[in-house]
């Protein structure tokens, strides 16, 4: 409930933060899979 209220208060900021978070996770996954491929 708290998260939903915050989302209503700052939808743009939250969307931007989530976008950056998702991008960071994708980058980490790409690096990780690349390292795994190199090791094996």
PDB file of N, CA and C in Angstrom:
ATOM      1  N   UNK A   1       0.833  -1.204   0.000  1.00  0.00           N
ATOM      2  CA  UNK A   1       0.000   0.000   0.000  1.00  0.00           C
ATOM      3  C   UNK A   1       0.868   1.255   0.000  1.00  0.00           C
ATOM      4  N   UNK A   2       1.917   1.233   0.814  1.00  0.00           N
ATOM      5  CA  UNK A   2       2.805   2.391   0.876  1.00  0.00           C
ATOM      6  C   UNK A   2       3.457   2.636  -0.483  1.00  0.00           C
ATOM      7  N   UNK A   3       3.915   1.553  -1.113  1.00  0.00           N
ATOM      8  CA  UNK A   3       4.572   1.691  -2.412  1.00  0.00           C
ATOM      9  C   UNK A   3       3.612   2.278  -3.439  1.00  0.00           C
ATOM     10  N   UNK A   4       2.370   1.803  -3.435  1.00  0.00           N
ATOM     11  CA  UNK A   4       1.395   2.307  -4.400  1.00  0.00           C
ATOM     12  C   UNK A   4       1.163   3.800  -4.192  1.00  0.00           C
ATOM     13  N   UNK A   5       1.079   4.225  -2.932  1.00  0.00           N
ATOM     14  CA  UNK A   5       0.858   5.649  -2.654  1.00  0.00           C
ATOM     15  C   UNK A   5       2.045   6.464  -3.147  1.00  0.00           C
ATOM     16  N   UNK A   6       3.245   5.991  -2.874  1.00  0.00           N
ATOM     17  CA  UNK A   6       4.440   6.701  -3.333  1.00  0.00           C
ATOM     18  C   UNK A   6       4.448   6.777  -4.857  1.00  0.00           C
ATOM     19  N   UNK A   7       4.066   5.680  -5.494  1.00  0.00           N
ATOM     20  CA  UNK A   7       4.058   5.644  -6.954  1.00  0.00           C
ATOM     21  C   UNK A   7       3.111   6.716  -7.497  1.00  0.00           C
ATOM     22  N   UNK A   8       1.995   6.920  -6.833  1.00  0.00           N
ATOM     23  CA  UNK A   8       1.046   7.950  -7.274  1.00  0.00           C
ATOM     24  C   UNK A   8       1.627   9.339  -7.062  1.00  0.00           C
ATOM     25  N   UNK A   9       2.393   9.491  -5.985  1.00  0.00           N
ATOM     26  CA  UNK A   9       2.967  10.803  -5.683  1.00  0.00           C
ATOM     27  C   UNK A   9       4.100  11.156  -6.647  1.00  0.00           C
ATOM     28  N   UNK A  10       4.957  10.185  -6.930  1.00  0.00           N
ATOM     29  CA  UNK A  10       6.107  10.453  -7.815  1.00  0.00           C
ATOM     30  C   UNK A  10       6.202   9.406  -8.925  1.00  0.00           C
ATOM     31  N   UNK A  11       5.235   9.369  -9.840  1.00  0.00           N
ATOM     32  CA  UNK A  11       5.256   8.336 -10.886  1.00  0.00           C
ATOM     33  C   UNK A  11       6.452   8.460 -11.814  1.00  0.00           C
ATOM     34  N   UNK A  12       6.784   9.691 -12.193  1.00  0.00           N
ATOM     35  CA  UNK A  12       7.884   9.883 -13.152  1.00  0.00           C
ATOM     36  C   UNK A  12       9.222   9.480 -12.552  1.00  0.00           C
ATOM     37  N   UNK A  13       9.479   9.933 -11.334  1.00  0.00           N
ATOM     38  CA  UNK A  13      10.755   9.622 -10.674  1.00  0.00           C
ATOM     39  C   UNK A  13      10.891   8.117 -10.479  1.00  0.00           C
ATOM     40  N   UNK A  14       9.797   7.472 -10.085  1.00  0.00           N
ATOM     41  CA  UNK A  14       9.855   6.033  -9.836  1.00  0.00           C
ATOM     42  C   UNK A  14      10.093   5.275 -11.135  1.00  0.00           C
ATOM     43  N   UNK A  15       9.413   5.688 -12.196  1.00  0.00           N
ATOM     44  CA  UNK A  15       9.593   5.022 -13.487  1.00  0.00           C
ATOM     45  C   UNK A  15      11.038   5.145 -13.951  1.00  0.00           C
ATOM     46  N   UNK A  16      11.622   6.326 -13.774  1.00  0.00           N
ATOM     47  CA  UNK A  16      12.999   6.550 -14.199  1.00  0.00           C
ATOM     48  C   UNK A  16      13.947   5.681 -13.381  1.00  0.00           C
ATOM     49  N   UNK A  17      13.697   5.624 -12.065  1.00  0.00           N
ATOM     50  CA  UNK A  17      14.551   4.830 -11.192  1.00  0.00           C
ATOM     51  C   UNK A  17      14.453   3.355 -11.573  1.00  0.00           C
ATOM     52  N   UNK A  18      13.218   2.893 -11.831  1.00  0.00           N
ATOM     53  CA  UNK A  18      13.026   1.488 -12.201  1.00  0.00           C
ATOM     54  C   UNK A  18      13.711   1.191 -13.526  1.00  0.00           C
ATOM     55  N   UNK A  19      13.642   2.134 -14.446  1.00  0.00           N
ATOM     56  CA  UNK A  19      14.275   1.945 -15.755  1.00  0.00           C
ATOM     57  C   UNK A  19      15.783   1.783 -15.590  1.00  0.00           C
ATOM     58  N   UNK A  20      16.390   2.660 -14.775  1.00  0.00           N
ATOM     59  CA  UNK A  20      17.834   2.572 -14.537  1.00  0.00           C
ATOM     60  C   UNK A  20      18.173   1.250 -13.867  1.00  0.00           C
ATOM     61  N   UNK A  21      17.335   0.827 -12.921  1.00  0.00           N
ATOM     62  CA  UNK A  21      17.561  -0.424 -12.199  1.00  0.00           C
ATOM     63  C   UNK A  21      17.539  -1.605 -13.164  1.00  0.00           C
ATOM     64  N   UNK A  22      16.549  -1.635 -14.043  1.00  0.00           N
ATOM     65  CA  UNK A  22      16.430  -2.727 -15.020  1.00  0.00           C
ATOM     66  C   UNK A  22      17.622  -2.723 -15.963  1.00  0.00           C
ATOM     67  N   UNK A  23      18.048  -1.546 -16.400  1.00  0.00           N
ATOM     68  CA  UNK A  23      19.206  -1.452 -17.294  1.00  0.00           C
ATOM     69  C   UNK A  23      20.449  -1.999 -16.612  1.00  0.00           C
ATOM     70  N   UNK A  24      20.627  -1.659 -15.337  1.00  0.00           N
ATOM     71  CA  UNK A  24      21.798  -2.130 -14.587  1.00  0.00           C
ATOM     72  C   UNK A  24      21.768  -3.647 -14.467  1.00  0.00           C
ATOM     73  N   UNK A  25      20.593  -4.208 -14.200  1.00  0.00           N
ATOM     74  CA  UNK A  25      20.473  -5.667 -14.072  1.00  0.00           C
ATOM     75  C   UNK A  25      20.791  -6.338 -15.399  1.00  0.00           C
ATOM     76  N   UNK A  26      20.287  -5.788 -16.493  1.00  0.00           N
ATOM     77  CA  UNK A  26      20.562  -6.369 -17.813  1.00  0.00           C
ATOM     78  C   UNK A  26      22.056  -6.346 -18.097  1.00  0.00           C
ATOM     79  N   UNK A  27      22.706  -5.240 -17.774  1.00  0.00           N
ATOM     80  CA  UNK A  27      24.147  -5.115 -18.003  1.00  0.00           C
ATOM     81  C   UNK A  27      24.904  -6.148 -17.177  1.00  0.00           C
ATOM     82  N   UNK A  28      24.506  -6.312 -15.910  1.00  0.00           N
ATOM     83  CA  UNK A  28      25.162  -7.297 -15.039  1.00  0.00           C
ATOM     84  C   UNK A  28      24.985  -8.702 -15.604  1.00  0.00           C
ATOM     85  N   UNK A  29      23.769  -9.013 -16.045  1.00  0.00           N
ATOM     86  CA  UNK A  29      23.498 -10.348 -16.599  1.00  0.00           C
ATOM     87  C   UNK A  29      24.362 -10.597 -17.828  1.00  0.00           C
ATOM     88  N   UNK A  30      24.478  -9.573 -18.685  1.00  0.00           N
ATOM     89  CA  UNK A  30      25.267  -9.729 -19.908  1.00  0.00           C
ATOM     90  C   UNK A  30      26.724 -10.007 -19.565  1.00  0.00           C
ATOM     91  N   UNK A  31      27.255  -9.236 -18.619  1.00  0.00           N
ATOM     92  CA  UNK A  31      28.650  -9.441 -18.224  1.00  0.00           C
ATOM     93  C   UNK A  31      28.827 -10.813 -17.600  1.00  0.00           C
ATOM     94  N   UNK A  32      27.876 -11.211 -16.752  1.00  0.00           N
ATOM     95  CA  UNK A  32      27.964 -12.493 -16.060  1.00  0.00           C
ATOM     96  C   UNK A  32      27.961 -13.644 -17.062  1.00  0.00           C
ATOM     97  N   UNK A  33      27.012 -13.626 -17.989  1.00  0.00           N
ATOM     98  CA  UNK A  33      26.931 -14.719 -18.972  1.00  0.00           C
ATOM     99  C   UNK A  33      28.181 -14.737 -19.846  1.00  0.00           C
ATOM    100  N   UNK A  34      28.737 -13.571 -20.123  1.00  0.00           N
ATOM    101  CA  UNK A  34      29.943 -13.499 -20.942  1.00  0.00           C
ATOM    102  C   UNK A  34      31.120 -14.129 -20.186  1.00  0.00           C
ATOM    103  N   UNK A  35      31.217 -13.817 -18.894  1.00  0.00           N
ATOM    104  CA  UNK A  35      32.295 -14.382 -18.082  1.00  0.00           C
ATOM    105  C   UNK A  35      32.149 -15.894 -17.963  1.00  0.00           C
ATOM    106  N   UNK A  36      30.930 -16.358 -17.768  1.00  0.00           N
ATOM    107  CA  UNK A  36      30.678 -17.799 -17.652  1.00  0.00           C
ATOM    108  C   UNK A  36      31.075 -18.499 -18.941  1.00  0.00           C
ATOM    109  N   UNK A  37      30.711 -17.906 -20.074  1.00  0.00           N
ATOM    110  CA  UNK A  37      31.044 -18.510 -21.365  1.00  0.00           C
ATOM    111  C   UNK A  37      32.561 -18.590 -21.524  1.00  0.00           C
ATOM    112  N   UNK A  38      33.251 -17.575 -21.044  1.00  0.00           N
ATOM    113  CA  UNK A  38      34.699 -17.544 -21.174  1.00  0.00           C
ATOM    114  C   UNK A  38      35.334 -18.628 -20.298  1.00  0.00           C
ATOM    115  N   UNK A  39      34.800 -18.796 -19.088  1.00  0.00           N
ATOM    116  CA  UNK A  39      35.373 -19.772 -18.142  1.00  0.00           C
ATOM    117  C   UNK A  39      35.141 -21.194 -18.641  1.00  0.00           C
ATOM    118  N   UNK A  40      33.928 -21.490 -19.099  1.00  0.00           N
ATOM    119  CA  UNK A  40      33.607 -22.863 -19.525  1.00  0.00           C
ATOM    120  C   UNK A  40      33.825 -23.020 -21.026  1.00  0.00           C
TER     121      UNK A  40
END
